Amino acid sequence: MQQDAMSALDRHALVTALWLSFALIAICLFSYGFDSGGAWATAGGFAGGPTNAETFILIANTGATPGSARVTVVFESGPRIAHTFSLPAQSRTSVPVSPLTPLTAGQRFSVLVESLGASPAPLVVERAMYDSPAGVTWAAGTAMVATPLTP
């Protein structure tokens, strides 16, 4: 019982450390003139496999009005799957990639996120990946800011 509680505490500490690391990176980027944009890309996504990996696309709408974004999953083998998501004003939306399509199982992919509409919402996009080997939920993970494609 005590070991289970410690494992949960360790996982919580890991996730907290990842998010604190992202916050520090974001503060540094914004301090040097980095700003939100309308299109973002990230590579290195993966789902399934022996560690039961999951990739999340995290979309922040930094604007004062609601918006929408198209999330396109681009597989190494060629297919593309696109979904559109509503984004409330000044919000953060987490999109788990594997429920979008069964094609993600055991596949590597990249993701393109585009703000839509006549007045596209300003976005900031991250990619987070977690591994759950041997049934230990989110035993390991990474997080990164996506690459902005428009100034």
Protein backbone atom coordinates (compact mmCIF):
# COMPACT_ATOMS: atom_id res chain seq x y z
CA MET A 1 0.00 0.00 0.00
CA GLN A 2 2.75 2.46 0.94
CA GLN A 3 4.64 1.62 -2.30
CA ASP A 4 1.51 2.42 -4.37
CA ALA A 5 1.15 5.79 -2.65
CA MET A 6 4.82 6.57 -3.28
CA SER A 7 4.52 5.62 -6.95
CA ALA A 8 1.54 7.94 -7.33
CA LEU A 9 3.52 10.69 -5.60
CA ASP A 10 6.48 10.09 -7.94
CA ARG A 11 4.22 10.32 -11.02
CA HIS A 12 2.65 13.52 -9.69
CA ALA A 13 6.10 15.01 -9.11
CA LEU A 14 7.15 14.07 -12.65
CA VAL A 15 4.10 15.66 -14.26
CA THR A 16 4.51 18.77 -12.09
CA ALA A 17 8.18 19.04 -13.07
CA LEU A 18 7.29 18.76 -16.76
CA TRP A 19 4.69 21.51 -16.53
CA LEU A 20 6.99 23.78 -14.50
CA SER A 21 9.66 23.26 -17.16
CA PHE A 22 7.20 24.25 -19.87
CA ALA A 23 6.16 27.36 -17.93
CA LEU A 24 9.78 28.46 -17.65
CA ILE A 25 10.35 27.94 -21.38
CA ALA A 26 7.17 29.86 -22.23
CA ILE A 27 8.19 32.78 -19.98
CA CYS A 28 11.60 32.93 -21.66
CA LEU A 29 10.12 32.77 -25.17
CA PHE A 30 7.58 35.52 -24.50
CA SER A 31 10.30 37.67 -22.89
CA TYR A 32 12.27 37.57 -26.16
CA GLY A 33 9.38 38.60 -28.40
CA PHE A 34 7.89 35.18 -29.19
CA ASP A 35 4.13 35.53 -29.62
CA SER A 36 1.07 33.47 -30.33
CA GLY A 37 0.28 32.62 -33.94
CA GLY A 38 -2.18 31.04 -36.32
CA ALA A 39 -0.42 27.83 -37.42
CA TRP A 40 1.83 25.44 -35.52
CA ALA A 41 3.54 22.10 -36.22
CA THR A 42 5.03 19.41 -34.05
CA ALA A 43 6.82 16.18 -34.93
CA GLY A 44 7.61 13.06 -32.96
CA GLY A 45 4.12 11.96 -31.99
CA PHE A 46 3.53 8.28 -31.23
CA ALA A 47 0.67 6.18 -29.85
CA GLY A 48 0.45 2.65 -28.53
CA GLY A 49 3.39 0.29 -28.81
CA PRO A 50 4.94 -1.72 -25.97
CA THR A 51 4.82 1.26 -23.56
CA ASN A 52 1.21 2.20 -24.38
CA ALA A 53 2.29 5.72 -25.39
CA GLU A 54 -0.17 8.57 -25.79
CA THR A 55 0.36 11.94 -27.44
CA PHE A 56 -1.61 15.03 -26.49
CA ILE A 57 -1.86 18.28 -28.44
CA LEU A 58 -2.44 21.18 -26.06
CA ILE A 59 -3.94 24.28 -27.66
CA ALA A 60 -4.12 27.62 -25.86
CA ASN A 61 -6.41 30.29 -27.28
CA THR A 62 -4.75 33.42 -25.91
CA GLY A 63 -7.41 35.71 -27.42
CA ALA A 64 -10.38 37.41 -25.80
CA THR A 65 -12.86 35.76 -28.21
CA PRO A 66 -13.70 32.12 -28.96
CA GLY A 67 -12.12 30.47 -31.96
CA SER A 68 -11.66 27.14 -33.66
CA ALA A 69 -8.67 25.12 -34.76
CA ARG A 70 -8.12 22.33 -37.25
CA VAL A 71 -5.83 19.58 -35.93
CA THR A 72 -4.34 17.49 -38.76
CA VAL A 73 -2.49 14.28 -37.91
CA VAL A 74 0.07 13.50 -40.64
CA PHE A 75 1.39 9.94 -40.67
CA GLU A 76 4.82 8.89 -41.96
CA SER A 77 3.05 6.53 -44.34
CA GLY A 78 1.15 9.40 -45.95
CA PRO A 79 -2.47 9.59 -44.72
CA ARG A 80 -3.78 12.74 -43.05
CA ILE A 81 -6.70 12.90 -40.62
CA ALA A 82 -8.18 16.30 -39.71
CA HIS A 83 -10.59 17.31 -36.93
CA THR A 84 -11.88 20.74 -35.93
CA PHE A 85 -12.15 21.84 -32.29
CA SER A 86 -13.94 24.79 -30.69
CA LEU A 87 -11.68 26.87 -28.45
CA PRO A 88 -13.24 29.06 -25.76
CA ALA A 89 -11.65 32.48 -25.21
CA GLN A 90 -8.52 32.47 -23.04
CA SER A 91 -8.59 28.70 -22.67
CA ARG A 92 -6.42 25.63 -22.98
CA THR A 93 -7.79 22.56 -24.76
CA SER A 94 -6.16 19.13 -24.47
CA VAL A 95 -6.57 16.86 -27.50
CA PRO A 96 -5.55 13.21 -27.02
CA VAL A 97 -4.48 12.08 -30.49
CA SER A 98 -5.21 8.34 -30.44
CA PRO A 99 -9.01 8.71 -30.04
CA LEU A 100 -9.08 10.81 -33.24
CA THR A 101 -8.36 7.78 -35.42
CA PRO A 102 -7.45 4.10 -34.96
CA LEU A 103 -4.60 4.67 -37.45
CA THR A 104 -2.40 6.06 -34.64
CA ALA A 105 -1.87 2.64 -33.01
CA GLY A 106 1.85 1.88 -33.17
CA GLN A 107 2.49 4.72 -35.62
CA ARG A 108 4.70 7.81 -35.65
CA PHE A 109 3.14 11.05 -36.82
CA SER A 110 3.38 14.82 -36.85
CA VAL A 111 0.58 17.28 -36.16
CA LEU A 112 -0.40 20.55 -37.81
CA VAL A 113 -2.66 22.95 -35.86
CA GLU A 114 -4.29 25.85 -37.72
CA SER A 115 -6.48 28.61 -36.33
CA LEU A 116 -9.61 28.99 -38.49
CA GLY A 117 -12.06 31.74 -39.36
CA ALA A 118 -12.12 35.29 -40.71
CA SER A 119 -10.38 36.51 -37.54
CA PRO A 120 -8.30 33.50 -36.46
CA ALA A 121 -7.73 33.14 -32.73
CA PRO A 122 -4.13 33.60 -31.57
CA LEU A 123 -2.83 30.19 -30.50
CA VAL A 124 0.06 28.66 -28.61
CA VAL A 125 0.48 24.90 -29.10
CA GLU A 126 2.37 22.22 -27.16
CA ARG A 127 2.89 18.49 -27.63
CA ALA A 128 3.01 16.20 -24.61
CA MET A 129 3.73 12.45 -24.72
CA TYR A 130 3.39 9.96 -21.90
CA ASP A 131 4.44 6.33 -21.64
CA SER A 132 2.74 3.79 -19.38
CA PRO A 133 5.06 0.73 -19.38
CA ALA A 134 3.95 -2.35 -17.44
CA GLY A 135 0.62 -0.69 -16.69
CA VAL A 136 2.16 2.18 -14.69
CA THR A 137 0.15 5.16 -15.94
CA TRP A 138 2.31 8.03 -17.20
CA ALA A 139 5.51 6.60 -15.75
CA ALA A 140 7.50 8.74 -18.19
CA GLY A 141 6.77 11.72 -20.39
CA THR A 142 7.94 14.71 -22.38
CA ALA A 143 6.52 18.09 -23.26
CA MET A 144 7.54 20.68 -25.86
CA VAL A 145 6.32 23.86 -27.46
CA ALA A 146 5.34 23.33 -31.10
CA THR A 147 6.98 25.29 -33.91
CA PRO A 148 5.08 28.40 -35.04
CA LEU A 149 4.59 28.47 -38.82
CA THR A 150 3.34 32.05 -39.12
CA PRO A 151 4.68 35.23 -37.52
